[in-house]
Amino acid sequence: MAAQNGKDLLVKVDMTSDGQFETIAGLRATRVSFNAETVDVTSLESQGGWRELLAGAGVRSCSISGAGVFKDEGTDERARQLFFDGEVPDFQIIIPDFGVIEGPFQVTAIEYAGSHNGEATYEMSLASAGLLTFVAL
């Protein structure tokens, strides 16, 4: 696989709950992580004393974080309102040459910053809040 442009990793939000996704404005850096908790079922009968894990058990989750330039566009406003209302709309995450993840996420943190001689910036964190679907690209 060839190297990919970081700008091609997109985080999109369903703006009106109708399946129409828009890329969140101003993002310059994005990180997606997937996690799966394990369920340890090791016992005295475990072969050779090796740990055993229960297949298909545990909680799976996805978290997304991003940072960018505050543009005060519709997507910025939507993300802010989602945080204050505690809603969990569908998001779409496009990872180039990997796939598209779609499902409900909650905005868990928004931070704004700025210096007197620079641009206003923001950081945002999302946590999966239900079943996610994956379609390979």
N, C-alpha and C. Protein backbone atom coordinates (compact mmCIF):
# COMPACT_ATOMS: atom_id res chain seq x y z
N MET A 1 0.85 -1.17 0.00
CA MET A 1 0.00 0.00 0.00
C MET A 1 0.89 1.23 0.00
N ALA A 2 0.54 2.19 -0.83
CA ALA A 2 1.28 3.44 -0.92
C ALA A 2 0.93 4.35 0.25
N ALA A 3 1.81 5.30 0.52
CA ALA A 3 1.54 6.29 1.58
C ALA A 3 0.28 7.07 1.23
N GLN A 4 -0.41 7.52 2.25
CA GLN A 4 -1.68 8.23 2.07
C GLN A 4 -1.56 9.66 2.60
N ASN A 5 -2.34 10.54 2.01
CA ASN A 5 -2.44 11.92 2.50
C ASN A 5 -3.26 11.94 3.77
N GLY A 6 -2.76 12.59 4.80
CA GLY A 6 -3.51 12.71 6.05
C GLY A 6 -4.81 13.47 5.87
N LYS A 7 -4.85 14.39 4.90
CA LYS A 7 -6.06 15.18 4.67
C LYS A 7 -7.19 14.35 4.10
N ASP A 8 -6.88 13.12 3.65
CA ASP A 8 -7.92 12.25 3.09
C ASP A 8 -8.66 11.46 4.16
N LEU A 9 -8.18 11.50 5.41
CA LEU A 9 -8.90 10.89 6.52
C LEU A 9 -9.95 11.91 6.95
N LEU A 10 -11.22 11.58 6.71
CA LEU A 10 -12.30 12.54 6.92
C LEU A 10 -13.22 12.12 8.05
N VAL A 11 -13.68 13.09 8.81
CA VAL A 11 -14.71 12.88 9.84
C VAL A 11 -15.91 13.70 9.39
N LYS A 12 -17.03 13.00 9.19
CA LYS A 12 -18.24 13.65 8.70
C LYS A 12 -19.36 13.45 9.71
N VAL A 13 -20.26 14.42 9.80
CA VAL A 13 -21.39 14.35 10.73
C VAL A 13 -22.69 14.44 9.93
N ASP A 14 -23.69 13.67 10.38
CA ASP A 14 -25.02 13.75 9.80
C ASP A 14 -25.63 15.05 10.30
N MET A 15 -25.82 15.98 9.41
CA MET A 15 -26.23 17.34 9.79
C MET A 15 -27.69 17.43 10.23
N THR A 16 -28.57 16.63 9.64
CA THR A 16 -30.00 16.78 9.93
C THR A 16 -30.70 15.45 10.19
N SER A 17 -29.95 14.41 10.52
CA SER A 17 -30.49 13.08 10.79
C SER A 17 -31.19 12.47 9.59
N ASP A 18 -30.75 12.84 8.38
CA ASP A 18 -31.34 12.29 7.17
C ASP A 18 -30.34 11.50 6.32
N GLY A 19 -29.16 11.22 6.90
CA GLY A 19 -28.15 10.45 6.18
C GLY A 19 -27.27 11.28 5.26
N GLN A 20 -27.40 12.60 5.32
CA GLN A 20 -26.55 13.49 4.52
C GLN A 20 -25.38 13.93 5.40
N PHE A 21 -24.18 13.47 5.06
CA PHE A 21 -23.00 13.75 5.87
C PHE A 21 -22.20 14.90 5.29
N GLU A 22 -21.67 15.75 6.19
CA GLU A 22 -20.77 16.83 5.80
C GLU A 22 -19.49 16.72 6.59
N THR A 23 -18.37 16.97 5.91
CA THR A 23 -17.07 16.95 6.56
C THR A 23 -17.00 18.07 7.59
N ILE A 24 -16.50 17.74 8.78
CA ILE A 24 -16.37 18.75 9.83
C ILE A 24 -15.32 19.77 9.41
N ALA A 25 -15.72 21.02 9.42
CA ALA A 25 -14.89 22.11 8.89
C ALA A 25 -13.63 22.34 9.72
N GLY A 26 -12.56 22.66 9.01
CA GLY A 26 -11.35 23.13 9.66
C GLY A 26 -10.44 22.08 10.26
N LEU A 27 -10.83 20.79 10.22
CA LEU A 27 -9.95 19.77 10.82
C LEU A 27 -8.63 19.71 10.07
N ARG A 28 -7.54 19.66 10.83
CA ARG A 28 -6.21 19.53 10.23
C ARG A 28 -5.50 18.26 10.68
N ALA A 29 -5.91 17.72 11.81
CA ALA A 29 -5.29 16.49 12.32
C ALA A 29 -6.39 15.62 12.91
N THR A 30 -6.36 14.34 12.59
CA THR A 30 -7.41 13.43 13.05
C THR A 30 -6.77 12.12 13.48
N ARG A 31 -7.35 11.52 14.52
CA ARG A 31 -6.87 10.22 15.01
C ARG A 31 -8.09 9.36 15.29
N VAL A 32 -8.03 8.10 14.83
CA VAL A 32 -9.09 7.12 15.06
C VAL A 32 -8.46 5.92 15.76
N SER A 33 -9.08 5.46 16.84
CA SER A 33 -8.56 4.26 17.51
C SER A 33 -9.71 3.30 17.81
N PHE A 34 -9.41 2.03 17.62
CA PHE A 34 -10.36 0.96 17.90
C PHE A 34 -9.84 0.17 19.09
N ASN A 35 -10.74 -0.23 19.96
CA ASN A 35 -10.36 -0.97 21.15
C ASN A 35 -11.31 -2.14 21.36
N ALA A 36 -10.77 -3.21 21.92
CA ALA A 36 -11.59 -4.36 22.28
C ALA A 36 -11.10 -4.87 23.63
N GLU A 37 -11.98 -4.82 24.61
CA GLU A 37 -11.63 -5.36 25.92
C GLU A 37 -11.58 -6.88 25.83
N THR A 38 -10.77 -7.46 26.64
CA THR A 38 -10.67 -8.92 26.65
C THR A 38 -11.37 -9.48 27.88
N VAL A 39 -11.80 -10.73 27.75
CA VAL A 39 -12.39 -11.45 28.87
C VAL A 39 -11.49 -12.65 29.13
N ASP A 40 -10.79 -12.62 30.24
CA ASP A 40 -9.82 -13.65 30.61
C ASP A 40 -10.55 -14.84 31.22
N VAL A 41 -10.39 -16.02 30.60
CA VAL A 41 -11.02 -17.24 31.11
C VAL A 41 -9.96 -18.28 31.49
N THR A 42 -8.77 -17.80 31.82
CA THR A 42 -7.67 -18.68 32.21
C THR A 42 -8.03 -19.42 33.49
N SER A 43 -7.69 -20.69 33.54
CA SER A 43 -7.95 -21.49 34.73
C SER A 43 -6.75 -22.41 34.97
N LEU A 44 -6.85 -23.22 36.02
CA LEU A 44 -5.77 -24.17 36.30
C LEU A 44 -5.61 -25.20 35.19
N GLU A 45 -6.66 -25.41 34.40
CA GLU A 45 -6.59 -26.36 33.29
C GLU A 45 -6.06 -25.75 32.00
N SER A 46 -5.75 -24.47 31.99
CA SER A 46 -5.27 -23.81 30.77
C SER A 46 -3.96 -24.45 30.34
N GLN A 47 -3.88 -24.80 29.07
CA GLN A 47 -2.73 -25.52 28.53
C GLN A 47 -1.43 -24.76 28.72
N GLY A 48 -0.48 -25.40 29.40
CA GLY A 48 0.84 -24.81 29.61
C GLY A 48 0.82 -23.56 30.47
N GLY A 49 -0.30 -23.28 31.14
CA GLY A 49 -0.38 -22.10 31.98
C GLY A 49 -0.54 -20.80 31.19
N TRP A 50 -0.85 -20.94 29.91
CA TRP A 50 -1.02 -19.75 29.07
C TRP A 50 -2.40 -19.14 29.28
N ARG A 51 -2.44 -17.84 29.20
CA ARG A 51 -3.70 -17.12 29.33
C ARG A 51 -4.64 -17.54 28.20
N GLU A 52 -5.93 -17.65 28.52
CA GLU A 52 -6.96 -17.92 27.53
C GLU A 52 -7.96 -16.77 27.54
N LEU A 53 -8.39 -16.38 26.34
CA LEU A 53 -9.37 -15.31 26.20
C LEU A 53 -10.63 -15.87 25.57
N LEU A 54 -11.76 -15.37 26.01
CA LEU A 54 -13.04 -15.79 25.48
C LEU A 54 -13.30 -15.06 24.17
N ALA A 55 -13.38 -15.83 23.08
CA ALA A 55 -13.57 -15.25 21.75
C ALA A 55 -14.93 -14.55 21.65
N GLY A 56 -14.94 -13.42 21.01
CA GLY A 56 -16.19 -12.69 20.75
C GLY A 56 -16.78 -11.99 21.96
N ALA A 57 -16.11 -12.01 23.09
CA ALA A 57 -16.63 -11.37 24.30
C ALA A 57 -15.96 -10.02 24.49
N GLY A 58 -16.42 -9.28 25.45
CA GLY A 58 -15.82 -7.99 25.77
C GLY A 58 -16.51 -6.85 25.03
N VAL A 59 -16.13 -5.65 25.38
CA VAL A 59 -16.74 -4.46 24.81
C VAL A 59 -15.80 -3.89 23.75
N ARG A 60 -16.35 -3.60 22.58
CA ARG A 60 -15.57 -2.96 21.52
C ARG A 60 -15.96 -1.49 21.47
N SER A 61 -14.99 -0.66 21.17
CA SER A 61 -15.26 0.77 21.11
C SER A 61 -14.36 1.43 20.07
N CYS A 62 -14.75 2.62 19.69
CA CYS A 62 -13.98 3.43 18.76
C CYS A 62 -13.95 4.84 19.31
N SER A 63 -12.80 5.47 19.28
CA SER A 63 -12.72 6.87 19.69
C SER A 63 -12.03 7.66 18.57
N ILE A 64 -12.45 8.89 18.45
CA ILE A 64 -11.94 9.77 17.41
C ILE A 64 -11.56 11.08 18.07
N SER A 65 -10.43 11.62 17.67
CA SER A 65 -10.07 12.95 18.13
C SER A 65 -9.57 13.73 16.93
N GLY A 66 -9.79 15.01 16.98
CA GLY A 66 -9.36 15.86 15.88
C GLY A 66 -9.03 17.25 16.38
N ALA A 67 -8.22 17.93 15.61
CA ALA A 67 -7.84 19.30 15.94
C ALA A 67 -7.83 20.10 14.65
N GLY A 68 -8.19 21.36 14.76
CA GLY A 68 -8.22 22.16 13.56
C GLY A 68 -8.38 23.63 13.85
N VAL A 69 -8.74 24.33 12.79
CA VAL A 69 -8.91 25.77 12.84
C VAL A 69 -10.39 26.08 12.96
N PHE A 70 -10.73 26.90 13.91
CA PHE A 70 -12.13 27.29 14.13
C PHE A 70 -12.60 28.14 12.96
N LYS A 71 -13.66 27.67 12.28
CA LYS A 71 -14.18 28.39 11.12
C LYS A 71 -15.59 28.91 11.34
N ASP A 72 -16.26 28.44 12.38
CA ASP A 72 -17.63 28.85 12.70
C ASP A 72 -18.57 28.59 11.53
N GLU A 73 -18.44 27.41 10.93
CA GLU A 73 -19.33 26.99 9.87
C GLU A 73 -20.42 26.12 10.46
N GLY A 74 -21.33 25.65 9.62
CA GLY A 74 -22.45 24.84 10.07
C GLY A 74 -22.04 23.60 10.82
N THR A 75 -20.95 22.96 10.39
CA THR A 75 -20.51 21.74 11.07
C THR A 75 -19.95 22.04 12.46
N ASP A 76 -19.27 23.20 12.60
CA ASP A 76 -18.78 23.61 13.92
C ASP A 76 -19.96 23.82 14.87
N GLU A 77 -20.96 24.52 14.36
CA GLU A 77 -22.15 24.80 15.16
C GLU A 77 -22.85 23.50 15.55
N ARG A 78 -22.94 22.56 14.61
CA ARG A 78 -23.60 21.27 14.87
C ARG A 78 -22.84 20.50 15.95
N ALA A 79 -21.52 20.45 15.85
CA ALA A 79 -20.71 19.74 16.86
C ALA A 79 -20.88 20.36 18.23
N ARG A 80 -20.88 21.69 18.32
CA ARG A 80 -21.09 22.37 19.60
C ARG A 80 -22.44 22.00 20.18
N GLN A 81 -23.48 22.04 19.35
CA GLN A 81 -24.82 21.77 19.83
C GLN A 81 -24.97 20.31 20.26
N LEU A 82 -24.32 19.40 19.53
CA LEU A 82 -24.35 17.98 19.91
C LEU A 82 -23.77 17.79 21.30
N PHE A 83 -22.67 18.51 21.59
CA PHE A 83 -22.05 18.40 22.90
C PHE A 83 -23.02 18.88 23.99
N PHE A 84 -23.58 20.06 23.81
CA PHE A 84 -24.44 20.63 24.85
C PHE A 84 -25.76 19.87 25.00
N ASP A 85 -26.26 19.28 23.91
CA ASP A 85 -27.52 18.53 23.98
C ASP A 85 -27.30 17.07 24.35
N GLY A 86 -26.05 16.59 24.29
CA GLY A 86 -25.75 15.20 24.62
C GLY A 86 -26.30 14.21 23.60
N GLU A 87 -26.52 14.64 22.37
CA GLU A 87 -27.05 13.77 21.32
C GLU A 87 -25.98 12.82 20.79
N VAL A 88 -26.43 11.75 20.16
CA VAL A 88 -25.51 10.77 19.57
C VAL A 88 -25.92 10.48 18.12
N PRO A 89 -25.67 11.44 17.23
CA PRO A 89 -26.03 11.24 15.82
C PRO A 89 -25.02 10.33 15.12
N ASP A 90 -25.34 9.98 13.89
CA ASP A 90 -24.40 9.18 13.10
C ASP A 90 -23.27 10.06 12.59
N PHE A 91 -22.08 9.48 12.63
CA PHE A 91 -20.90 10.07 12.02
C PHE A 91 -20.40 9.09 10.98
N GLN A 92 -19.60 9.59 10.08
CA GLN A 92 -18.99 8.75 9.06
C GLN A 92 -17.50 9.07 9.06
N ILE A 93 -16.67 8.04 9.18
CA ILE A 93 -15.23 8.24 9.19
C ILE A 93 -14.67 7.52 7.98
N ILE A 94 -13.98 8.26 7.14
CA ILE A 94 -13.42 7.69 5.92
C ILE A 94 -11.91 7.60 6.09
N ILE A 95 -11.41 6.36 6.08
CA ILE A 95 -9.98 6.12 6.21
C ILE A 95 -9.49 5.64 4.85
N PRO A 96 -8.65 6.42 4.16
CA PRO A 96 -8.25 6.07 2.80
C PRO A 96 -7.59 4.69 2.71
N ASP A 97 -7.94 3.97 1.67
CA ASP A 97 -7.43 2.62 1.39
C ASP A 97 -7.68 1.64 2.53
N PHE A 98 -8.62 1.95 3.41
CA PHE A 98 -8.97 1.06 4.51
C PHE A 98 -10.47 0.81 4.50
N GLY A 99 -11.25 1.87 4.74
CA GLY A 99 -12.69 1.70 4.72
C GLY A 99 -13.44 2.87 5.30
N VAL A 100 -14.76 2.68 5.40
CA VAL A 100 -15.66 3.69 5.94
C VAL A 100 -16.34 3.11 7.17
N ILE A 101 -16.24 3.83 8.28
CA ILE A 101 -16.90 3.45 9.54
C ILE A 101 -18.07 4.40 9.71
N GLU A 102 -19.23 3.85 10.04
CA GLU A 102 -20.39 4.70 10.22
C GLU A 102 -21.20 4.22 11.42
N GLY A 103 -21.72 5.17 12.18
CA GLY A 103 -22.55 4.84 13.32
C GLY A 103 -22.63 5.99 14.29
N PRO A 104 -23.32 5.76 15.42
CA PRO A 104 -23.53 6.83 16.40
C PRO A 104 -22.28 7.10 17.25
N PHE A 105 -22.01 8.39 17.44
CA PHE A 105 -20.92 8.84 18.29
C PHE A 105 -21.42 9.97 19.15
N GLN A 106 -20.83 10.10 20.34
CA GLN A 106 -21.13 11.23 21.21
C GLN A 106 -19.91 12.14 21.25
N VAL A 107 -20.15 13.44 21.15
CA VAL A 107 -19.07 14.42 21.30
C VAL A 107 -18.77 14.49 22.80
N THR A 108 -17.59 14.03 23.20
CA THR A 108 -17.26 13.95 24.62
C THR A 108 -16.41 15.12 25.11
N ALA A 109 -15.80 15.85 24.18
CA ALA A 109 -14.99 17.01 24.60
C ALA A 109 -14.82 17.96 23.43
N ILE A 110 -14.87 19.23 23.72
CA ILE A 110 -14.53 20.29 22.76
C ILE A 110 -13.69 21.30 23.51
N GLU A 111 -12.56 21.66 22.93
CA GLU A 111 -11.68 22.66 23.53
C GLU A 111 -11.38 23.72 22.48
N TYR A 112 -11.40 24.97 22.90
CA TYR A 112 -11.07 26.08 22.02
C TYR A 112 -9.83 26.78 22.57
N ALA A 113 -8.98 27.25 21.66
CA ALA A 113 -7.77 27.95 22.08
C ALA A 113 -7.42 28.99 21.03
N GLY A 114 -6.62 29.92 21.43
CA GLY A 114 -6.15 30.94 20.50
C GLY A 114 -5.17 31.86 21.18
N SER A 115 -4.26 32.35 20.39
CA SER A 115 -3.32 33.33 20.93
C SER A 115 -3.55 34.65 20.22
N HIS A 116 -3.06 35.69 20.80
CA HIS A 116 -3.36 37.02 20.30
C HIS A 116 -2.80 37.26 18.90
N ASN A 117 -1.78 36.52 18.51
CA ASN A 117 -1.21 36.70 17.17
C ASN A 117 -1.37 35.45 16.31
N GLY A 118 -2.39 34.65 16.58
CA GLY A 118 -2.61 33.43 15.80
C GLY A 118 -4.08 33.16 15.58
N GLU A 119 -4.35 32.06 14.93
CA GLU A 119 -5.72 31.69 14.62
C GLU A 119 -6.39 31.02 15.82
N ALA A 120 -7.71 31.05 15.83
CA ALA A 120 -8.47 30.31 16.85
C ALA A 120 -8.50 28.84 16.43
N THR A 121 -8.21 27.95 17.37
CA THR A 121 -8.17 26.52 17.07
C THR A 121 -9.13 25.78 17.99
N TYR A 122 -9.41 24.53 17.64
CA TYR A 122 -10.25 23.70 18.49
C TYR A 122 -9.77 22.26 18.44
N GLU A 123 -10.12 21.52 19.48
CA GLU A 123 -9.90 20.08 19.55
C GLU A 123 -11.22 19.45 19.95
N MET A 124 -11.49 18.28 19.39
CA MET A 124 -12.75 17.61 19.65
C MET A 124 -12.50 16.12 19.82
N SER A 125 -13.24 15.50 20.73
CA SER A 125 -13.16 14.05 20.95
C SER A 125 -14.55 13.45 20.82
N LEU A 126 -14.59 12.27 20.19
CA LEU A 126 -15.84 11.54 20.00
C LEU A 126 -15.67 10.13 20.54
N ALA A 127 -16.76 9.56 21.06
CA ALA A 127 -16.75 8.17 21.55
C ALA A 127 -17.92 7.43 20.91
N SER A 128 -17.65 6.21 20.44
CA SER A 128 -18.72 5.42 19.83
C SER A 128 -19.83 5.20 20.85
N ALA A 129 -21.08 5.18 20.33
CA ALA A 129 -22.24 5.10 21.22
C ALA A 129 -23.25 4.06 20.74
N GLY A 130 -22.76 3.06 20.02
CA GLY A 130 -23.66 2.02 19.51
C GLY A 130 -22.96 1.22 18.44
N LEU A 131 -23.76 0.45 17.70
CA LEU A 131 -23.24 -0.41 16.64
C LEU A 131 -22.61 0.39 15.52
N LEU A 132 -21.38 0.04 15.15
CA LEU A 132 -20.70 0.67 14.04
C LEU A 132 -20.67 -0.30 12.87
N THR A 133 -20.82 0.23 11.66
CA THR A 133 -20.67 -0.59 10.47
C THR A 133 -19.36 -0.25 9.78
N PHE A 134 -18.82 -1.22 9.07
CA PHE A 134 -17.56 -1.02 8.36
C PHE A 134 -17.72 -1.53 6.94
N VAL A 135 -17.31 -0.70 5.98
CA VAL A 135 -17.30 -1.09 4.57
C VAL A 135 -15.88 -0.86 4.07
N ALA A 136 -15.22 -1.93 3.60
CA ALA A 136 -13.86 -1.82 3.10
C ALA A 136 -13.83 -1.04 1.80
N LEU A 137 -12.77 -0.26 1.61
CA LEU A 137 -12.58 0.47 0.34
C LEU A 137 -11.70 -0.32 -0.59
